[in-house]
Amino acid sequence: MKLGRRTLIYSGGHTHEKGVGTGILFDVTTAKSLGSWCPISDRIVVAKLVAKPLNLGIIQVYAPTSDSEDVEVEKFYEEIEIAKVHLKSQDIIMVMEDFNAKLEVKE
């Protein structure tokens, strides 16, 4: 979707809920290089930028928190493997993440 002069690719449904959805915002110049993109899940989106000498694959992730169930964490890592299938081995692959952290303050 276009947001002013920027382009947003988003994965995560139509309504924004806490912990649901991730995206990448591109400026005008970079958006012109966007070759393809694929929403993988509410937590992962893949973009491929056409570049020289090699294309750039971006995997944007929104990781589950440390107090998430093991099943959810395992599913997340499986989805990263699925995301990698959308890119070629000769692509430069960059994983950008929002790895959540929880802090516990003890007095």
C-alpha atoms as a PDB file:
ATOM      1  CA  MET A   1       0.000   0.000   0.000  1.00  0.00           C
ATOM      2  CA  LYS A   2       1.119   3.563  -0.612  1.00  0.00           C
ATOM      3  CA  LEU A   3       1.586   5.822   2.403  1.00  0.00           C
ATOM      4  CA  GLY A   4       2.356   9.230   1.021  1.00  0.00           C
ATOM      5  CA  ARG A   5       5.644   8.841  -0.827  1.00  0.00           C
ATOM      6  CA  ARG A   6       6.421   5.535   0.858  1.00  0.00           C
ATOM      7  CA  THR A   7       5.411   1.939   0.087  1.00  0.00           C
ATOM      8  CA  LEU A   8       4.390  -0.469   2.853  1.00  0.00           C
ATOM      9  CA  ILE A   9       4.283  -4.226   2.493  1.00  0.00           C
ATOM     10  CA  TYR A  10       2.451  -5.864   5.370  1.00  0.00           C
ATOM     11  CA  SER A  11       1.551  -9.328   6.608  1.00  0.00           C
ATOM     12  CA  GLY A  12      -0.924  -9.861   9.396  1.00  0.00           C
ATOM     13  CA  GLY A  13      -4.586  -9.436   8.604  1.00  0.00           C
ATOM     14  CA  HIS A  14      -6.880  -6.465   8.210  1.00  0.00           C
ATOM     15  CA  THR A  15      -7.203  -5.341  11.823  1.00  0.00           C
ATOM     16  CA  HIS A  16      -4.250  -4.459  14.017  1.00  0.00           C
ATOM     17  CA  GLU A  17      -4.221  -6.389  17.252  1.00  0.00           C
ATOM     18  CA  LYS A  18      -1.508  -6.581  19.862  1.00  0.00           C
ATOM     19  CA  GLY A  19       1.239  -8.891  18.630  1.00  0.00           C
ATOM     20  CA  VAL A  20      -0.223  -9.377  15.154  1.00  0.00           C
ATOM     21  CA  GLY A  21       1.393  -8.169  11.955  1.00  0.00           C
ATOM     22  CA  THR A  22       4.735  -7.090  10.586  1.00  0.00           C
ATOM     23  CA  GLY A  23       5.808  -5.023   7.628  1.00  0.00           C
ATOM     24  CA  ILE A  24       8.530  -3.151   5.801  1.00  0.00           C
ATOM     25  CA  LEU A  25       8.307   0.515   4.805  1.00  0.00           C
ATOM     26  CA  PHE A  26      10.264   1.504   1.683  1.00  0.00           C
ATOM     27  CA  ASP A  27      11.205   4.968   0.474  1.00  0.00           C
ATOM     28  CA  VAL A  28      10.477   5.945  -3.151  1.00  0.00           C
ATOM     29  CA  THR A  29      13.877   4.908  -4.533  1.00  0.00           C
ATOM     30  CA  THR A  30      14.007   1.540  -2.784  1.00  0.00           C
ATOM     31  CA  ALA A  31      10.388   0.718  -3.681  1.00  0.00           C
ATOM     32  CA  LYS A  32      11.350   0.924  -7.373  1.00  0.00           C
ATOM     33  CA  SER A  33      13.676  -2.055  -6.753  1.00  0.00           C
ATOM     34  CA  LEU A  34      10.969  -4.186  -5.129  1.00  0.00           C
ATOM     35  CA  GLY A  35      10.788  -7.260  -7.340  1.00  0.00           C
ATOM     36  CA  SER A  36       8.398  -9.372  -5.291  1.00  0.00           C
ATOM     37  CA  TRP A  37       7.140  -9.936  -1.788  1.00  0.00           C
ATOM     38  CA  CYS A  38       5.298 -12.660   0.075  1.00  0.00           C
ATOM     39  CA  PRO A  39       3.387 -12.614   3.360  1.00  0.00           C
ATOM     40  CA  ILE A  40       4.321 -15.776   5.271  1.00  0.00           C
ATOM     41  CA  SER A  41       2.366 -15.315   8.505  1.00  0.00           C
ATOM     42  CA  ASP A  42       1.283 -12.701  11.038  1.00  0.00           C
ATOM     43  CA  ARG A  43       4.916 -12.617  12.139  1.00  0.00           C
ATOM     44  CA  ILE A  44       6.923 -12.870   8.897  1.00  0.00           C
ATOM     45  CA  VAL A  45       7.023 -11.120   5.528  1.00  0.00           C
ATOM     46  CA  VAL A  46       9.602 -11.580   2.734  1.00  0.00           C
ATOM     47  CA  ALA A  47      10.680  -8.964   0.184  1.00  0.00           C
ATOM     48  CA  LYS A  48      13.037  -9.366  -2.750  1.00  0.00           C
ATOM     49  CA  LEU A  49      14.846  -6.297  -4.063  1.00  0.00           C
ATOM     50  CA  VAL A  50      16.351  -6.437  -7.539  1.00  0.00           C
ATOM     51  CA  ALA A  51      19.950  -5.250  -7.275  1.00  0.00           C
ATOM     52  CA  LYS A  52      23.376  -5.683  -8.830  1.00  0.00           C
ATOM     53  CA  PRO A  53      25.542  -7.685  -8.606  1.00  0.00           C
ATOM     54  CA  LEU A  54      23.179  -9.762  -6.406  1.00  0.00           C
ATOM     55  CA  ASN A  55      19.544  -9.430  -5.400  1.00  0.00           C
ATOM     56  CA  LEU A  56      18.711  -8.637  -1.777  1.00  0.00           C
ATOM     57  CA  GLY A  57      16.237 -10.768   0.124  1.00  0.00           C
ATOM     58  CA  ILE A  58      14.740  -9.287   3.281  1.00  0.00           C
ATOM     59  CA  ILE A  59      12.977 -11.440   5.858  1.00  0.00           C
ATOM     60  CA  GLN A  60      11.188  -9.162   8.336  1.00  0.00           C
ATOM     61  CA  VAL A  61      10.125 -10.935  11.520  1.00  0.00           C
ATOM     62  CA  TYR A  62       8.202 -10.106  14.665  1.00  0.00           C
ATOM     63  CA  ALA A  63       9.425 -12.721  17.138  1.00  0.00           C
ATOM     64  CA  PRO A  64       7.326 -14.165  19.942  1.00  0.00           C
ATOM     65  CA  THR A  65       8.223 -13.059  23.454  1.00  0.00           C
ATOM     66  CA  SER A  66      10.238 -15.225  25.819  1.00  0.00           C
ATOM     67  CA  ASP A  67       7.088 -16.151  27.741  1.00  0.00           C
ATOM     68  CA  SER A  68       5.386 -17.563  24.630  1.00  0.00           C
ATOM     69  CA  GLU A  69       4.446 -21.217  24.470  1.00  0.00           C
ATOM     70  CA  ASP A  70       7.092 -23.545  23.015  1.00  0.00           C
ATOM     71  CA  VAL A  71       4.696 -24.521  20.219  1.00  0.00           C
ATOM     72  CA  GLU A  72       4.417 -20.895  19.116  1.00  0.00           C
ATOM     73  CA  VAL A  73       8.197 -20.431  19.140  1.00  0.00           C
ATOM     74  CA  GLU A  74       8.740 -23.643  17.147  1.00  0.00           C
ATOM     75  CA  LYS A  75       6.111 -22.544  14.604  1.00  0.00           C
ATOM     76  CA  PHE A  76       7.893 -19.188  14.263  1.00  0.00           C
ATOM     77  CA  TYR A  77      11.234 -20.853  13.421  1.00  0.00           C
ATOM     78  CA  GLU A  78       9.526 -23.214  10.959  1.00  0.00           C
ATOM     79  CA  GLU A  79       8.007 -20.172   9.223  1.00  0.00           C
ATOM     80  CA  ILE A  80      11.467 -18.587   8.890  1.00  0.00           C
ATOM     81  CA  GLU A  81      12.571 -21.734   7.031  1.00  0.00           C
ATOM     82  CA  ILE A  82       9.512 -21.390   4.755  1.00  0.00           C
ATOM     83  CA  ALA A  83      10.438 -17.747   4.129  1.00  0.00           C
ATOM     84  CA  LYS A  84      13.950 -18.748   3.023  1.00  0.00           C
ATOM     85  CA  VAL A  85      12.438 -20.942   0.282  1.00  0.00           C
ATOM     86  CA  HIS A  86      11.188 -17.758  -1.436  1.00  0.00           C
ATOM     87  CA  LEU A  87      14.767 -16.560  -1.906  1.00  0.00           C
ATOM     88  CA  LYS A  88      17.635 -17.949  -3.975  1.00  0.00           C
ATOM     89  CA  SER A  89      20.850 -19.195  -2.406  1.00  0.00           C
ATOM     90  CA  GLN A  90      22.851 -16.593  -4.355  1.00  0.00           C
ATOM     91  CA  ASP A  91      20.713 -13.727  -2.975  1.00  0.00           C
ATOM     92  CA  ILE A  92      22.082 -11.654  -0.141  1.00  0.00           C
ATOM     93  CA  ILE A  93      19.701 -12.458   2.693  1.00  0.00           C
ATOM     94  CA  MET A  94      19.069 -10.038   5.514  1.00  0.00           C
ATOM     95  CA  VAL A  95      16.877 -10.860   8.510  1.00  0.00           C
ATOM     96  CA  MET A  96      15.433  -7.788  10.190  1.00  0.00           C
ATOM     97  CA  GLU A  97      13.781  -8.492  13.465  1.00  0.00           C
ATOM     98  CA  ASP A  98      11.729  -7.112  16.242  1.00  0.00           C
ATOM     99  CA  PHE A  99      12.837  -9.571  18.881  1.00  0.00           C
ATOM    100  CA  ASN A 100      10.671  -8.795  21.871  1.00  0.00           C
ATOM    101  CA  ALA A 101      12.177  -8.626  25.303  1.00  0.00           C
ATOM    102  CA  LYS A 102      10.630  -8.719  28.721  1.00  0.00           C
ATOM    103  CA  LEU A 103      12.307  -7.075  31.655  1.00  0.00           C
ATOM    104  CA  GLU A 104      11.740  -8.019  35.234  1.00  0.00           C
ATOM    105  CA  VAL A 105      12.558  -5.383  37.813  1.00  0.00           C
ATOM    106  CA  LYS A 106      13.501  -6.736  41.225  1.00  0.00           C
ATOM    107  CA  GLU A 107      13.759  -4.521  44.240  1.00  0.00           C
END
